[in-house]
Amino acid sequence: SPPYSPTHGRHCNYFRKSPTLDLPGEIE
């Protein structure tokens, strides 16, 4: 609630861990 709706900007996007190695392990 509310359901997925591309019209209203509620897309189902898929993700994975980034293969980039130099990203920080902690952030402020």
PDB file of all heavy atoms in Angstrom:
ATOM      1  N   SER A   1       0.837  -1.202   0.000  1.00  0.00           N
ATOM      2  CA  SER A   1       0.000   0.000   0.000  1.00  0.00           C
ATOM      3  C   SER A   1       0.871   1.251   0.000  1.00  0.00           C
ATOM      4  O   SER A   1       1.652   1.458   0.928  1.00  0.00           O
ATOM      5  CB  SER A   1      -0.918   0.012   1.222  1.00  0.00           C
ATOM      6  OG  SER A   1      -1.722   1.171   1.227  1.00  0.00           O
ATOM      7  N   PRO A   2       0.722   2.083  -1.039  1.00  0.00           N
ATOM      8  CA  PRO A   2       0.008   1.805  -2.291  1.00  0.00           C
ATOM      9  C   PRO A   2       0.796   0.800  -3.117  1.00  0.00           C
ATOM     10  O   PRO A   2       1.968   0.541  -2.824  1.00  0.00           O
ATOM     11  CB  PRO A   2      -0.054   3.177  -2.970  1.00  0.00           C
ATOM     12  CG  PRO A   2       1.140   3.914  -2.429  1.00  0.00           C
ATOM     13  CD  PRO A   2       1.328   3.435  -1.019  1.00  0.00           C
ATOM     14  N   PRO A   3       0.203   0.234  -4.176  1.00  0.00           N
ATOM     15  CA  PRO A   3       0.903  -0.771  -4.979  1.00  0.00           C
ATOM     16  C   PRO A   3       1.923  -0.144  -5.924  1.00  0.00           C
ATOM     17  O   PRO A   3       1.989   1.078  -6.057  1.00  0.00           O
ATOM     18  CB  PRO A   3      -0.237  -1.441  -5.753  1.00  0.00           C
ATOM     19  CG  PRO A   3      -1.274  -0.378  -5.886  1.00  0.00           C
ATOM     20  CD  PRO A   3      -1.189   0.445  -4.624  1.00  0.00           C
ATOM     21  N   TYR A   4       2.708  -1.005  -6.561  1.00  0.00           N
ATOM     22  CA  TYR A   4       3.601  -0.512  -7.606  1.00  0.00           C
ATOM     23  C   TYR A   4       2.788   0.231  -8.663  1.00  0.00           C
ATOM     24  O   TYR A   4       1.676  -0.169  -9.008  1.00  0.00           O
ATOM     25  CB  TYR A   4       4.333  -1.670  -8.288  1.00  0.00           C
ATOM     26  CG  TYR A   4       5.438  -2.281  -7.462  1.00  0.00           C
ATOM     27  CD1 TYR A   4       5.335  -3.590  -6.987  1.00  0.00           C
ATOM     28  CD2 TYR A   4       6.594  -1.563  -7.159  1.00  0.00           C
ATOM     29  CE1 TYR A   4       6.349  -4.164  -6.230  1.00  0.00           C
ATOM     30  CE2 TYR A   4       7.613  -2.134  -6.401  1.00  0.00           C
ATOM     31  CZ  TYR A   4       7.483  -3.437  -5.942  1.00  0.00           C
ATOM     32  OH  TYR A   4       8.492  -3.992  -5.197  1.00  0.00           O
ATOM     33  N   SER A   5       3.351   1.330  -9.170  1.00  0.00           N
ATOM     34  CA  SER A   5       2.681   2.103 -10.209  1.00  0.00           C
ATOM     35  C   SER A   5       3.715   2.963 -10.930  1.00  0.00           C
ATOM     36  O   SER A   5       4.123   4.005 -10.391  1.00  0.00           O
ATOM     37  CB  SER A   5       1.584   2.999  -9.614  1.00  0.00           C
ATOM     38  OG  SER A   5       1.084   3.902 -10.585  1.00  0.00           O
ATOM     39  N   PRO A   6       4.169   2.554 -12.114  1.00  0.00           N
ATOM     40  CA  PRO A   6       5.125   3.382 -12.860  1.00  0.00           C
ATOM     41  C   PRO A   6       4.594   4.791 -13.103  1.00  0.00           C
ATOM     42  O   PRO A   6       5.366   5.755 -13.106  1.00  0.00           O
ATOM     43  CB  PRO A   6       5.288   2.606 -14.178  1.00  0.00           C
ATOM     44  CG  PRO A   6       4.970   1.187 -13.826  1.00  0.00           C
ATOM     45  CD  PRO A   6       3.890   1.267 -12.781  1.00  0.00           C
ATOM     46  N   THR A   7       3.271   4.920 -13.275  1.00  0.00           N
ATOM     47  CA  THR A   7       2.658   6.231 -13.511  1.00  0.00           C
ATOM     48  C   THR A   7       2.933   7.185 -12.358  1.00  0.00           C
ATOM     49  O   THR A   7       3.104   8.392 -12.543  1.00  0.00           O
ATOM     50  CB  THR A   7       1.134   6.092 -13.707  1.00  0.00           C
ATOM     51  OG1 THR A   7       0.879   5.136 -14.736  1.00  0.00           O
ATOM     52  CG2 THR A   7       0.494   7.419 -14.053  1.00  0.00           C
ATOM     53  N   HIS A   8       2.976   6.630 -11.133  1.00  0.00           N
ATOM     54  CA  HIS A   8       3.197   7.454  -9.938  1.00  0.00           C
ATOM     55  C   HIS A   8       4.634   7.331  -9.420  1.00  0.00           C
ATOM     56  O   HIS A   8       4.912   7.677  -8.270  1.00  0.00           O
ATOM     57  CB  HIS A   8       2.208   7.036  -8.846  1.00  0.00           C
ATOM     58  CG  HIS A   8       0.775   7.295  -9.205  1.00  0.00           C
ATOM     59  ND1 HIS A   8      -0.030   6.337  -9.799  1.00  0.00           N
ATOM     60  CD2 HIS A   8       0.011   8.410  -9.077  1.00  0.00           C
ATOM     61  CE1 HIS A   8      -1.234   6.843 -10.016  1.00  0.00           C
ATOM     62  NE2 HIS A   8      -1.232   8.104  -9.592  1.00  0.00           N
ATOM     63  N   GLY A   9       5.528   6.820 -10.267  1.00  0.00           N
ATOM     64  CA  GLY A   9       6.940   6.755  -9.880  1.00  0.00           C
ATOM     65  C   GLY A   9       7.297   5.610  -8.968  1.00  0.00           C
ATOM     66  O   GLY A   9       8.394   5.595  -8.390  1.00  0.00           O
ATOM     67  N   ARG A  10       6.409   4.633  -8.823  1.00  0.00           N
ATOM     68  CA  ARG A  10       6.694   3.490  -7.952  1.00  0.00           C
ATOM     69  C   ARG A  10       7.072   2.286  -8.822  1.00  0.00           C
ATOM     70  O   ARG A  10       6.281   1.371  -9.045  1.00  0.00           O
ATOM     71  CB  ARG A  10       5.494   3.186  -7.046  1.00  0.00           C
ATOM     72  CG  ARG A  10       5.173   4.301  -6.066  1.00  0.00           C
ATOM     73  CD  ARG A  10       4.168   3.882  -5.019  1.00  0.00           C
ATOM     74  NE  ARG A  10       2.878   3.533  -5.577  1.00  0.00           N
ATOM     75  CZ  ARG A  10       1.879   4.388  -5.817  1.00  0.00           C
ATOM     76  NH1 ARG A  10       2.034   5.677  -5.536  1.00  0.00           N
ATOM     77  NH2 ARG A  10       0.730   3.985  -6.321  1.00  0.00           N
ATOM     78  N   HIS A  11       8.294   2.315  -9.320  1.00  0.00           N
ATOM     79  CA  HIS A  11       8.815   1.222 -10.139  1.00  0.00           C
ATOM     80  C   HIS A  11       9.426   0.165  -9.222  1.00  0.00           C
ATOM     81  O   HIS A  11       9.939   0.480  -8.160  1.00  0.00           O
ATOM     82  CB  HIS A  11       9.906   1.725 -11.084  1.00  0.00           C
ATOM     83  CG  HIS A  11       9.450   2.801 -12.020  1.00  0.00           C
ATOM     84  ND1 HIS A  11       8.981   2.527 -13.288  1.00  0.00           N
ATOM     85  CD2 HIS A  11       9.413   4.148 -11.883  1.00  0.00           C
ATOM     86  CE1 HIS A  11       8.665   3.660 -13.896  1.00  0.00           C
ATOM     87  NE2 HIS A  11       8.915   4.663 -13.057  1.00  0.00           N
ATOM     88  N   CYS A  12       9.425  -1.077  -9.684  1.00  0.00           N
ATOM     89  CA  CYS A  12      10.169  -2.132  -8.999  1.00  0.00           C
ATOM     90  C   CYS A  12      11.557  -2.187  -9.616  1.00  0.00           C
ATOM     91  O   CYS A  12      11.717  -2.587 -10.773  1.00  0.00           O
ATOM     92  CB  CYS A  12       9.458  -3.480  -9.150  1.00  0.00           C
ATOM     93  SG  CYS A  12      10.314  -4.822  -8.285  1.00  0.00           S
ATOM     94  N   ASN A  13      12.550  -1.747  -8.860  1.00  0.00           N
ATOM     95  CA  ASN A  13      13.934  -1.757  -9.328  1.00  0.00           C
ATOM     96  C   ASN A  13      14.706  -2.863  -8.618  1.00  0.00           C
ATOM     97  O   ASN A  13      14.473  -3.136  -7.433  1.00  0.00           O
ATOM     98  CB  ASN A  13      14.600  -0.404  -9.037  1.00  0.00           C
ATOM     99  CG  ASN A  13      13.884   0.735  -9.738  1.00  0.00           C
ATOM    100  OD1 ASN A  13      13.613   0.676 -10.927  1.00  0.00           O
ATOM    101  ND2 ASN A  13      13.551   1.776  -8.980  1.00  0.00           N
ATOM    102  N   TYR A  14      15.640  -3.477  -9.353  1.00  0.00           N
ATOM    103  CA  TYR A  14      16.446  -4.557  -8.795  1.00  0.00           C
ATOM    104  C   TYR A  14      17.864  -4.068  -8.534  1.00  0.00           C
ATOM    105  O   TYR A  14      18.391  -3.199  -9.239  1.00  0.00           O
ATOM    106  CB  TYR A  14      16.468  -5.749  -9.753  1.00  0.00           C
ATOM    107  CG  TYR A  14      15.117  -6.429  -9.852  1.00  0.00           C
ATOM    108  CD1 TYR A  14      14.189  -6.045 -10.810  1.00  0.00           C
ATOM    109  CD2 TYR A  14      14.769  -7.444  -8.969  1.00  0.00           C
ATOM    110  CE1 TYR A  14      12.948  -6.658 -10.892  1.00  0.00           C
ATOM    111  CE2 TYR A  14      13.535  -8.065  -9.041  1.00  0.00           C
ATOM    112  CZ  TYR A  14      12.626  -7.672 -10.006  1.00  0.00           C
ATOM    113  OH  TYR A  14      11.389  -8.269 -10.074  1.00  0.00           O
ATOM    114  N   PHE A  15      18.493  -4.647  -7.510  1.00  0.00           N
ATOM    115  CA  PHE A  15      19.802  -4.186  -7.070  1.00  0.00           C
ATOM    116  C   PHE A  15      20.737  -5.362  -6.812  1.00  0.00           C
ATOM    117  O   PHE A  15      20.298  -6.488  -6.597  1.00  0.00           O
ATOM    118  CB  PHE A  15      19.668  -3.347  -5.783  1.00  0.00           C
ATOM    119  CG  PHE A  15      18.823  -2.122  -5.950  1.00  0.00           C
ATOM    120  CD1 PHE A  15      17.448  -2.173  -5.728  1.00  0.00           C
ATOM    121  CD2 PHE A  15      19.388  -0.924  -6.357  1.00  0.00           C
ATOM    122  CE1 PHE A  15      16.655  -1.045  -5.911  1.00  0.00           C
ATOM    123  CE2 PHE A  15      18.600   0.208  -6.534  1.00  0.00           C
ATOM    124  CZ  PHE A  15      17.237   0.146  -6.309  1.00  0.00           C
ATOM    125  N   ARG A  16      22.034  -5.044  -6.819  1.00  0.00           N
ATOM    126  CA  ARG A  16      23.075  -6.005  -6.456  1.00  0.00           C
ATOM    127  C   ARG A  16      24.201  -5.242  -5.769  1.00  0.00           C
ATOM    128  O   ARG A  16      24.276  -4.013  -5.865  1.00  0.00           O
ATOM    129  CB  ARG A  16      23.608  -6.722  -7.695  1.00  0.00           C
ATOM    130  CG  ARG A  16      24.326  -5.785  -8.673  1.00  0.00           C
ATOM    131  CD  ARG A  16      24.766  -6.521  -9.918  1.00  0.00           C
ATOM    132  NE  ARG A  16      25.344  -5.573 -10.886  1.00  0.00           N
ATOM    133  CZ  ARG A  16      25.649  -5.896 -12.135  1.00  0.00           C
ATOM    134  NH1 ARG A  16      25.415  -7.112 -12.583  1.00  0.00           N
ATOM    135  NH2 ARG A  16      26.174  -4.984 -12.950  1.00  0.00           N
ATOM    136  N   LYS A  17      25.071  -5.986  -5.098  1.00  0.00           N
ATOM    137  CA  LYS A  17      26.235  -5.342  -4.496  1.00  0.00           C
ATOM    138  C   LYS A  17      27.133  -4.800  -5.593  1.00  0.00           C
ATOM    139  O   LYS A  17      27.384  -5.473  -6.591  1.00  0.00           O
ATOM    140  CB  LYS A  17      27.014  -6.343  -3.639  1.00  0.00           C
ATOM    141  CG  LYS A  17      26.352  -6.660  -2.310  1.00  0.00           C
ATOM    142  CD  LYS A  17      27.272  -7.519  -1.460  1.00  0.00           C
ATOM    143  CE  LYS A  17      26.633  -7.828  -0.114  1.00  0.00           C
ATOM    144  NZ  LYS A  17      27.518  -8.659   0.747  1.00  0.00           N
ATOM    145  N   SER A  18      27.618  -3.591  -5.403  1.00  0.00           N
ATOM    146  CA  SER A  18      28.496  -2.976  -6.398  1.00  0.00           C
ATOM    147  C   SER A  18      29.834  -3.705  -6.423  1.00  0.00           C
ATOM    148  O   SER A  18      30.419  -3.988  -5.371  1.00  0.00           O
ATOM    149  CB  SER A  18      28.713  -1.503  -6.074  1.00  0.00           C
ATOM    150  OG  SER A  18      29.692  -0.958  -6.937  1.00  0.00           O
ATOM    151  N   PRO A  19      30.349  -4.009  -7.623  1.00  0.00           N
ATOM    152  CA  PRO A  19      31.665  -4.662  -7.711  1.00  0.00           C
ATOM    153  C   PRO A  19      32.833  -3.689  -7.500  1.00  0.00           C
ATOM    154  O   PRO A  19      33.981  -4.118  -7.394  1.00  0.00           O
ATOM    155  CB  PRO A  19      31.671  -5.224  -9.136  1.00  0.00           C
ATOM    156  CG  PRO A  19      30.773  -4.307  -9.904  1.00  0.00           C
ATOM    157  CD  PRO A  19      29.710  -3.846  -8.943  1.00  0.00           C
ATOM    158  N   THR A  20      32.535  -2.389  -7.431  1.00  0.00           N
ATOM    159  CA  THR A  20      33.601  -1.391  -7.224  1.00  0.00           C
ATOM    160  C   THR A  20      34.263  -1.612  -5.872  1.00  0.00           C
ATOM    161  O   THR A  20      33.583  -1.727  -4.842  1.00  0.00           O
ATOM    162  CB  THR A  20      33.021   0.037  -7.295  1.00  0.00           C
ATOM    163  OG1 THR A  20      32.323   0.195  -8.534  1.00  0.00           O
ATOM    164  CG2 THR A  20      34.118   1.072  -7.181  1.00  0.00           C
ATOM    165  N   LEU A  21      35.587  -1.669  -5.853  1.00  0.00           N
ATOM    166  CA  LEU A  21      36.306  -2.073  -4.642  1.00  0.00           C
ATOM    167  C   LEU A  21      36.662  -0.916  -3.722  1.00  0.00           C
ATOM    168  O   LEU A  21      36.939  -1.126  -2.544  1.00  0.00           O
ATOM    169  CB  LEU A  21      37.596  -2.816  -5.050  1.00  0.00           C
ATOM    170  CG  LEU A  21      37.387  -4.117  -5.838  1.00  0.00           C
ATOM    171  CD1 LEU A  21      38.736  -4.706  -6.240  1.00  0.00           C
ATOM    172  CD2 LEU A  21      36.584  -5.121  -5.024  1.00  0.00           C
ATOM    173  N   ASP A  22      36.715   0.330  -4.235  1.00  0.00           N
ATOM    174  CA  ASP A  22      37.258   1.440  -3.438  1.00  0.00           C
ATOM    175  C   ASP A  22      36.163   2.269  -2.762  1.00  0.00           C
ATOM    176  O   ASP A  22      36.381   3.424  -2.400  1.00  0.00           O
ATOM    177  CB  ASP A  22      38.148   2.338  -4.295  1.00  0.00           C
ATOM    178  CG  ASP A  22      37.399   2.919  -5.500  1.00  0.00           C
ATOM    179  OD1 ASP A  22      36.247   2.509  -5.726  1.00  0.00           O
ATOM    180  OD2 ASP A  22      37.975   3.785  -6.190  1.00  0.00           O
ATOM    181  N   LEU A  23      34.983   1.707  -2.569  1.00  0.00           N
ATOM    182  CA  LEU A  23      33.904   2.435  -1.893  1.00  0.00           C
ATOM    183  C   LEU A  23      34.091   2.324  -0.381  1.00  0.00           C
ATOM    184  O   LEU A  23      34.472   1.272   0.131  1.00  0.00           O
ATOM    185  CB  LEU A  23      32.543   1.856  -2.307  1.00  0.00           C
ATOM    186  CG  LEU A  23      32.196   2.027  -3.791  1.00  0.00           C
ATOM    187  CD1 LEU A  23      30.969   1.207  -4.154  1.00  0.00           C
ATOM    188  CD2 LEU A  23      31.962   3.497  -4.123  1.00  0.00           C
ATOM    189  N   PRO A  24      33.816   3.392   0.369  1.00  0.00           N
ATOM    190  CA  PRO A  24      34.074   3.377   1.812  1.00  0.00           C
ATOM    191  C   PRO A  24      33.164   2.415   2.565  1.00  0.00           C
ATOM    192  O   PRO A  24      31.999   2.210   2.199  1.00  0.00           O
ATOM    193  CB  PRO A  24      33.793   4.833   2.234  1.00  0.00           C
ATOM    194  CG  PRO A  24      32.887   5.373   1.172  1.00  0.00           C
ATOM    195  CD  PRO A  24      33.286   4.688  -0.098  1.00  0.00           C
ATOM    196  N   GLY A  25      33.717   1.830   3.637  1.00  0.00           N
ATOM    197  CA  GLY A  25      32.941   0.895   4.460  1.00  0.00           C
ATOM    198  C   GLY A  25      32.112   1.591   5.510  1.00  0.00           C
ATOM    199  O   GLY A  25      31.238   0.973   6.143  1.00  0.00           O
ATOM    200  N   GLU A  26      32.384   2.881   5.738  1.00  0.00           N
ATOM    201  CA  GLU A  26      31.550   3.659   6.659  1.00  0.00           C
ATOM    202  C   GLU A  26      31.395   5.069   6.115  1.00  0.00           C
ATOM    203  O   GLU A  26      32.283   5.576   5.422  1.00  0.00           O
ATOM    204  CB  GLU A  26      32.113   3.673   8.080  1.00  0.00           C
ATOM    205  CG  GLU A  26      33.460   4.342   8.244  1.00  0.00           C
ATOM    206  CD  GLU A  26      33.918   4.358   9.695  1.00  0.00           C
ATOM    207  OE1 GLU A  26      33.680   3.369  10.415  1.00  0.00           O
ATOM    208  OE2 GLU A  26      34.518   5.371  10.105  1.00  0.00           O
ATOM    209  N   ILE A  27      30.258   5.682   6.409  1.00  0.00           N
ATOM    210  CA  ILE A  27      30.007   7.045   5.937  1.00  0.00           C
ATOM    211  C   ILE A  27      29.342   7.843   7.055  1.00  0.00           C
ATOM    212  O   ILE A  27      28.709   7.282   7.957  1.00  0.00           O
ATOM    213  CB  ILE A  27      29.115   7.078   4.672  1.00  0.00           C
ATOM    214  CG1 ILE A  27      27.753   6.449   4.960  1.00  0.00           C
ATOM    215  CG2 ILE A  27      29.774   6.393   3.507  1.00  0.00           C
ATOM    216  CD1 ILE A  27      26.766   6.669   3.820  1.00  0.00           C
ATOM    217  N   GLU A  28      29.471   9.149   6.963  1.00  0.00           N
ATOM    218  CA  GLU A  28      28.816  10.048   7.909  1.00  0.00           C
ATOM    219  C   GLU A  28      27.582  10.635   7.241  1.00  0.00           C
ATOM    220  O   GLU A  28      27.647  11.129   6.116  1.00  0.00           O
ATOM    221  CB  GLU A  28      29.763  11.166   8.324  1.00  0.00           C
ATOM    222  CG  GLU A  28      29.165  12.100   9.370  1.00  0.00           C
ATOM    223  CD  GLU A  28      30.160  13.148   9.858  1.00  0.00           C
ATOM    224  OE1 GLU A  28      31.372  12.951   9.657  1.00  0.00           O
ATOM    225  OE2 GLU A  28      29.710  14.161  10.432  1.00  0.00           O
TER     226      GLU A  28
END
